[in-house]
Amino acid sequence: MPVAYFYLVVAVILETIGTSALQASAQFSKLWPSVIVVIAYGAAFFFLALCLKYIPVGIAYALWSGLGIVFISVIGVLVFGQKLDFAAVAGMILILVGIGVIHLFSSASSH
């Protein structure tokens, strides 16, 4: 089962790279960030598909999208100078708590 989470973590990291490059691409007007978007998203979906051999699609997608939201928000603050208000931070904490609940208590988290 650990291989499934390895695939999922790789997918999340690649999706985060793709989304960061999407911001840097300036609406696809810059070539190299645009190329990174396509490659990173393609690879992210490849690794997400691999993890679906072991984790149900609903659980995998919840974990993938939740972690992606948190990671890209942190990058937005650190790299792009974006601001998060209290509600945004509280919502992300709730997402992380939800991921923990799924991981710790859900019998649906694996086949």
N, C-alpha and C. Protein backbone atom coordinates (compact mmCIF):
# COMPACT_ATOMS: atom_id res chain seq x y z
N MET A 1 0.81 -1.22 0.00
CA MET A 1 0.00 0.00 0.00
C MET A 1 0.84 1.27 0.00
N PRO A 2 2.01 1.29 0.61
CA PRO A 2 2.79 2.54 0.59
C PRO A 2 3.09 3.05 -0.81
N VAL A 3 3.20 2.17 -1.80
CA VAL A 3 3.48 2.63 -3.16
C VAL A 3 2.35 3.52 -3.66
N ALA A 4 1.12 3.25 -3.26
CA ALA A 4 -0.02 4.08 -3.67
C ALA A 4 0.15 5.50 -3.17
N TYR A 5 0.59 5.65 -1.93
CA TYR A 5 0.77 6.99 -1.37
C TYR A 5 1.99 7.68 -1.98
N PHE A 6 3.01 6.91 -2.36
CA PHE A 6 4.14 7.49 -3.09
C PHE A 6 3.65 8.08 -4.41
N TYR A 7 2.88 7.30 -5.17
CA TYR A 7 2.32 7.80 -6.43
C TYR A 7 1.47 9.04 -6.21
N LEU A 8 0.68 9.02 -5.15
CA LEU A 8 -0.20 10.16 -4.86
C LEU A 8 0.60 11.40 -4.51
N VAL A 9 1.63 11.25 -3.69
CA VAL A 9 2.46 12.39 -3.32
C VAL A 9 3.17 12.96 -4.55
N VAL A 10 3.68 12.09 -5.41
CA VAL A 10 4.33 12.56 -6.64
C VAL A 10 3.32 13.32 -7.50
N ALA A 11 2.09 12.79 -7.60
CA ALA A 11 1.04 13.47 -8.38
C ALA A 11 0.74 14.85 -7.81
N VAL A 12 0.66 14.96 -6.49
CA VAL A 12 0.38 16.25 -5.85
C VAL A 12 1.52 17.23 -6.10
N ILE A 13 2.74 16.77 -5.97
CA ILE A 13 3.89 17.65 -6.20
C ILE A 13 3.91 18.15 -7.65
N LEU A 14 3.67 17.24 -8.59
CA LEU A 14 3.66 17.63 -10.00
C LEU A 14 2.51 18.58 -10.32
N GLU A 15 1.35 18.34 -9.72
CA GLU A 15 0.21 19.25 -9.92
C GLU A 15 0.53 20.63 -9.35
N THR A 16 1.21 20.67 -8.22
CA THR A 16 1.60 21.94 -7.62
C THR A 16 2.61 22.67 -8.50
N ILE A 17 3.54 21.95 -9.06
CA ILE A 17 4.49 22.55 -10.00
C ILE A 17 3.75 23.09 -11.21
N GLY A 18 2.83 22.31 -11.74
CA GLY A 18 2.06 22.75 -12.91
C GLY A 18 1.24 23.99 -12.64
N THR A 19 0.61 24.05 -11.48
CA THR A 19 -0.20 25.22 -11.14
C THR A 19 0.68 26.45 -10.90
N SER A 20 1.83 26.25 -10.28
CA SER A 20 2.77 27.37 -10.11
C SER A 20 3.24 27.88 -11.46
N ALA A 21 3.54 26.96 -12.37
CA ALA A 21 3.96 27.36 -13.72
C ALA A 21 2.82 28.04 -14.47
N LEU A 22 1.59 27.62 -14.20
CA LEU A 22 0.44 28.27 -14.83
C LEU A 22 0.37 29.74 -14.44
N GLN A 23 0.61 30.02 -13.17
CA GLN A 23 0.65 31.42 -12.72
C GLN A 23 1.80 32.16 -13.40
N ALA A 24 2.95 31.50 -13.48
CA ALA A 24 4.13 32.13 -14.07
C ALA A 24 4.03 32.29 -15.60
N SER A 25 3.14 31.51 -16.22
CA SER A 25 3.03 31.55 -17.68
C SER A 25 2.34 32.82 -18.19
N ALA A 26 1.74 33.59 -17.30
CA ALA A 26 1.03 34.82 -17.68
C ALA A 26 0.02 34.52 -18.79
N GLN A 27 -0.93 33.64 -18.47
CA GLN A 27 -1.99 33.22 -19.40
C GLN A 27 -1.41 32.62 -20.68
N PHE A 28 -0.40 31.76 -20.52
CA PHE A 28 0.25 31.05 -21.62
C PHE A 28 0.95 31.98 -22.61
N SER A 29 1.37 33.14 -22.15
CA SER A 29 2.10 34.07 -23.03
C SER A 29 3.62 33.89 -22.91
N LYS A 30 4.09 33.11 -21.95
CA LYS A 30 5.51 32.82 -21.80
C LYS A 30 5.74 31.34 -22.11
N LEU A 31 6.66 31.07 -23.01
CA LEU A 31 6.83 29.72 -23.54
C LEU A 31 7.21 28.68 -22.48
N TRP A 32 8.31 28.88 -21.77
CA TRP A 32 8.82 27.82 -20.91
C TRP A 32 7.91 27.52 -19.73
N PRO A 33 7.34 28.51 -19.06
CA PRO A 33 6.36 28.14 -18.03
C PRO A 33 5.16 27.39 -18.61
N SER A 34 4.75 27.74 -19.83
CA SER A 34 3.63 27.04 -20.48
C SER A 34 3.99 25.59 -20.78
N VAL A 35 5.21 25.35 -21.21
CA VAL A 35 5.67 23.98 -21.46
C VAL A 35 5.67 23.18 -20.16
N ILE A 36 6.13 23.81 -19.09
CA ILE A 36 6.15 23.14 -17.78
C ILE A 36 4.73 22.78 -17.35
N VAL A 37 3.77 23.67 -17.60
CA VAL A 37 2.37 23.39 -17.25
C VAL A 37 1.92 22.08 -17.89
N VAL A 38 2.13 21.96 -19.18
CA VAL A 38 1.65 20.79 -19.93
C VAL A 38 2.35 19.52 -19.44
N ILE A 39 3.65 19.58 -19.27
CA ILE A 39 4.40 18.40 -18.84
C ILE A 39 4.04 18.02 -17.41
N ALA A 40 3.99 18.99 -16.52
CA ALA A 40 3.71 18.70 -15.11
C ALA A 40 2.30 18.16 -14.92
N TYR A 41 1.31 18.76 -15.58
CA TYR A 41 -0.06 18.25 -15.46
C TYR A 41 -0.19 16.85 -16.06
N GLY A 42 0.43 16.62 -17.21
CA GLY A 42 0.39 15.29 -17.81
C GLY A 42 0.99 14.24 -16.89
N ALA A 43 2.15 14.55 -16.32
CA ALA A 43 2.80 13.63 -15.39
C ALA A 43 1.99 13.46 -14.11
N ALA A 44 1.37 14.54 -13.63
CA ALA A 44 0.54 14.46 -12.42
C ALA A 44 -0.62 13.50 -12.63
N PHE A 45 -1.29 13.60 -13.77
CA PHE A 45 -2.40 12.69 -14.04
C PHE A 45 -1.92 11.25 -14.24
N PHE A 46 -0.74 11.08 -14.80
CA PHE A 46 -0.18 9.74 -14.93
C PHE A 46 0.00 9.10 -13.56
N PHE A 47 0.62 9.83 -12.62
CA PHE A 47 0.84 9.28 -11.29
C PHE A 47 -0.46 9.14 -10.50
N LEU A 48 -1.40 10.04 -10.73
CA LEU A 48 -2.72 9.88 -10.11
C LEU A 48 -3.37 8.59 -10.61
N ALA A 49 -3.26 8.32 -11.89
CA ALA A 49 -3.83 7.09 -12.46
C ALA A 49 -3.16 5.86 -11.85
N LEU A 50 -1.86 5.91 -11.63
CA LEU A 50 -1.17 4.78 -11.01
C LEU A 50 -1.68 4.51 -9.60
N CYS A 51 -1.92 5.58 -8.83
CA CYS A 51 -2.38 5.36 -7.46
C CYS A 51 -3.80 4.81 -7.43
N LEU A 52 -4.56 5.00 -8.52
CA LEU A 52 -5.93 4.50 -8.56
C LEU A 52 -6.00 2.98 -8.64
N LYS A 53 -4.87 2.31 -8.85
CA LYS A 53 -4.83 0.86 -8.76
C LYS A 53 -5.08 0.40 -7.33
N TYR A 54 -4.80 1.27 -6.36
CA TYR A 54 -4.81 0.90 -4.95
C TYR A 54 -5.81 1.69 -4.10
N ILE A 55 -6.11 2.91 -4.51
CA ILE A 55 -6.96 3.81 -3.72
C ILE A 55 -8.19 4.14 -4.55
N PRO A 56 -9.40 4.07 -3.98
CA PRO A 56 -10.60 4.44 -4.73
C PRO A 56 -10.52 5.88 -5.24
N VAL A 57 -11.11 6.12 -6.41
CA VAL A 57 -10.98 7.42 -7.08
C VAL A 57 -11.47 8.57 -6.20
N GLY A 58 -12.55 8.41 -5.49
CA GLY A 58 -13.07 9.50 -4.66
C GLY A 58 -12.12 9.89 -3.54
N ILE A 59 -11.53 8.89 -2.91
CA ILE A 59 -10.57 9.15 -1.83
C ILE A 59 -9.29 9.74 -2.39
N ALA A 60 -8.79 9.16 -3.48
CA ALA A 60 -7.55 9.68 -4.09
C ALA A 60 -7.73 11.12 -4.53
N TYR A 61 -8.86 11.41 -5.15
CA TYR A 61 -9.08 12.78 -5.64
C TYR A 61 -9.24 13.76 -4.48
N ALA A 62 -9.91 13.33 -3.42
CA ALA A 62 -10.05 14.20 -2.25
C ALA A 62 -8.68 14.53 -1.66
N LEU A 63 -7.83 13.53 -1.54
CA LEU A 63 -6.49 13.76 -0.99
C LEU A 63 -5.66 14.61 -1.95
N TRP A 64 -5.72 14.29 -3.25
CA TRP A 64 -4.94 15.01 -4.26
C TRP A 64 -5.33 16.48 -4.31
N SER A 65 -6.62 16.74 -4.41
CA SER A 65 -7.06 18.13 -4.53
C SER A 65 -6.87 18.89 -3.22
N GLY A 66 -7.14 18.25 -2.09
CA GLY A 66 -6.97 18.93 -0.80
C GLY A 66 -5.53 19.32 -0.54
N LEU A 67 -4.63 18.38 -0.73
CA LEU A 67 -3.21 18.70 -0.53
C LEU A 67 -2.73 19.72 -1.55
N GLY A 68 -3.22 19.62 -2.78
CA GLY A 68 -2.85 20.59 -3.81
C GLY A 68 -3.28 22.00 -3.45
N ILE A 69 -4.48 22.13 -2.89
CA ILE A 69 -4.97 23.44 -2.47
C ILE A 69 -4.04 24.05 -1.41
N VAL A 70 -3.69 23.24 -0.43
CA VAL A 70 -2.82 23.75 0.64
C VAL A 70 -1.44 24.10 0.10
N PHE A 71 -0.84 23.19 -0.69
CA PHE A 71 0.51 23.45 -1.20
C PHE A 71 0.55 24.67 -2.10
N ILE A 72 -0.40 24.80 -3.01
CA ILE A 72 -0.35 25.94 -3.94
C ILE A 72 -0.66 27.25 -3.21
N SER A 73 -1.45 27.19 -2.15
CA SER A 73 -1.69 28.40 -1.36
C SER A 73 -0.42 28.86 -0.65
N VAL A 74 0.33 27.92 -0.13
CA VAL A 74 1.61 28.26 0.51
C VAL A 74 2.57 28.84 -0.52
N ILE A 75 2.65 28.25 -1.70
CA ILE A 75 3.51 28.78 -2.76
C ILE A 75 3.03 30.16 -3.19
N GLY A 76 1.72 30.35 -3.27
CA GLY A 76 1.18 31.66 -3.62
C GLY A 76 1.65 32.74 -2.66
N VAL A 77 1.68 32.41 -1.38
CA VAL A 77 2.14 33.37 -0.37
C VAL A 77 3.65 33.58 -0.48
N LEU A 78 4.41 32.48 -0.53
CA LEU A 78 5.87 32.58 -0.47
C LEU A 78 6.50 33.07 -1.77
N VAL A 79 5.97 32.64 -2.91
CA VAL A 79 6.61 32.94 -4.20
C VAL A 79 5.96 34.12 -4.89
N PHE A 80 4.63 34.16 -4.88
CA PHE A 80 3.90 35.17 -5.66
C PHE A 80 3.41 36.35 -4.82
N GLY A 81 3.71 36.35 -3.51
CA GLY A 81 3.35 37.47 -2.65
C GLY A 81 1.85 37.64 -2.42
N GLN A 82 1.09 36.57 -2.58
CA GLN A 82 -0.35 36.66 -2.37
C GLN A 82 -0.66 36.63 -0.87
N LYS A 83 -1.81 37.12 -0.51
CA LYS A 83 -2.21 37.19 0.90
C LYS A 83 -3.35 36.20 1.17
N LEU A 84 -3.33 35.62 2.36
CA LEU A 84 -4.41 34.76 2.82
C LEU A 84 -5.04 35.39 4.05
N ASP A 85 -6.36 35.46 4.07
CA ASP A 85 -7.02 35.98 5.26
C ASP A 85 -7.34 34.82 6.21
N PHE A 86 -7.91 35.16 7.35
CA PHE A 86 -8.21 34.16 8.38
C PHE A 86 -9.12 33.06 7.85
N ALA A 87 -10.13 33.43 7.09
CA ALA A 87 -11.07 32.43 6.57
C ALA A 87 -10.37 31.44 5.65
N ALA A 88 -9.45 31.91 4.83
CA ALA A 88 -8.72 31.02 3.93
C ALA A 88 -7.84 30.05 4.72
N VAL A 89 -7.15 30.56 5.72
CA VAL A 89 -6.30 29.70 6.55
C VAL A 89 -7.16 28.70 7.32
N ALA A 90 -8.27 29.16 7.89
CA ALA A 90 -9.16 28.25 8.62
C ALA A 90 -9.71 27.17 7.70
N GLY A 91 -10.09 27.53 6.49
CA GLY A 91 -10.59 26.55 5.54
C GLY A 91 -9.54 25.51 5.19
N MET A 92 -8.31 25.95 5.02
CA MET A 92 -7.24 25.00 4.71
C MET A 92 -6.94 24.08 5.89
N ILE A 93 -7.04 24.61 7.10
CA ILE A 93 -6.88 23.75 8.27
C ILE A 93 -7.97 22.69 8.29
N LEU A 94 -9.19 23.08 7.96
CA LEU A 94 -10.29 22.11 7.89
C LEU A 94 -10.04 21.06 6.80
N ILE A 95 -9.47 21.46 5.68
CA ILE A 95 -9.11 20.51 4.63
C ILE A 95 -8.11 19.50 5.16
N LEU A 96 -7.07 19.98 5.85
CA LEU A 96 -6.07 19.08 6.41
C LEU A 96 -6.67 18.14 7.45
N VAL A 97 -7.57 18.67 8.26
CA VAL A 97 -8.26 17.82 9.24
C VAL A 97 -9.08 16.76 8.51
N GLY A 98 -9.76 17.14 7.45
CA GLY A 98 -10.53 16.19 6.66
C GLY A 98 -9.65 15.10 6.06
N ILE A 99 -8.48 15.46 5.58
CA ILE A 99 -7.54 14.48 5.05
C ILE A 99 -7.12 13.52 6.16
N GLY A 100 -6.87 14.06 7.33
CA GLY A 100 -6.52 13.21 8.47
C GLY A 100 -7.63 12.25 8.84
N VAL A 101 -8.86 12.72 8.83
CA VAL A 101 -10.00 11.86 9.14
C VAL A 101 -10.11 10.74 8.12
N ILE A 102 -9.97 11.07 6.85
CA ILE A 102 -10.01 10.04 5.81
C ILE A 102 -8.91 9.01 6.03
N HIS A 103 -7.72 9.49 6.24
CA HIS A 103 -6.57 8.59 6.38
C HIS A 103 -6.67 7.72 7.63
N LEU A 104 -7.10 8.29 8.73
CA LEU A 104 -7.09 7.56 9.99
C LEU A 104 -8.34 6.71 10.23
N PHE A 105 -9.49 7.17 9.75
CA PHE A 105 -10.72 6.51 10.17
C PHE A 105 -11.54 5.88 9.05
N SER A 106 -11.26 6.17 7.80
CA SER A 106 -12.09 5.66 6.72
C SER A 106 -11.64 4.29 6.27
N SER A 107 -12.57 3.36 6.23
CA SER A 107 -12.26 2.04 5.69
C SER A 107 -12.30 2.06 4.16
N ALA A 108 -12.80 3.14 3.58
CA ALA A 108 -12.86 3.27 2.13
C ALA A 108 -11.55 3.75 1.53
N SER A 109 -10.55 4.05 2.35
CA SER A 109 -9.32 4.64 1.83
C SER A 109 -8.43 3.65 1.12
N SER A 110 -8.77 2.37 1.11
CA SER A 110 -8.01 1.40 0.32
C SER A 110 -8.95 0.29 -0.14
N HIS A 111 -8.55 -0.41 -1.20
CA HIS A 111 -9.38 -1.50 -1.74
C HIS A 111 -9.31 -2.71 -0.82
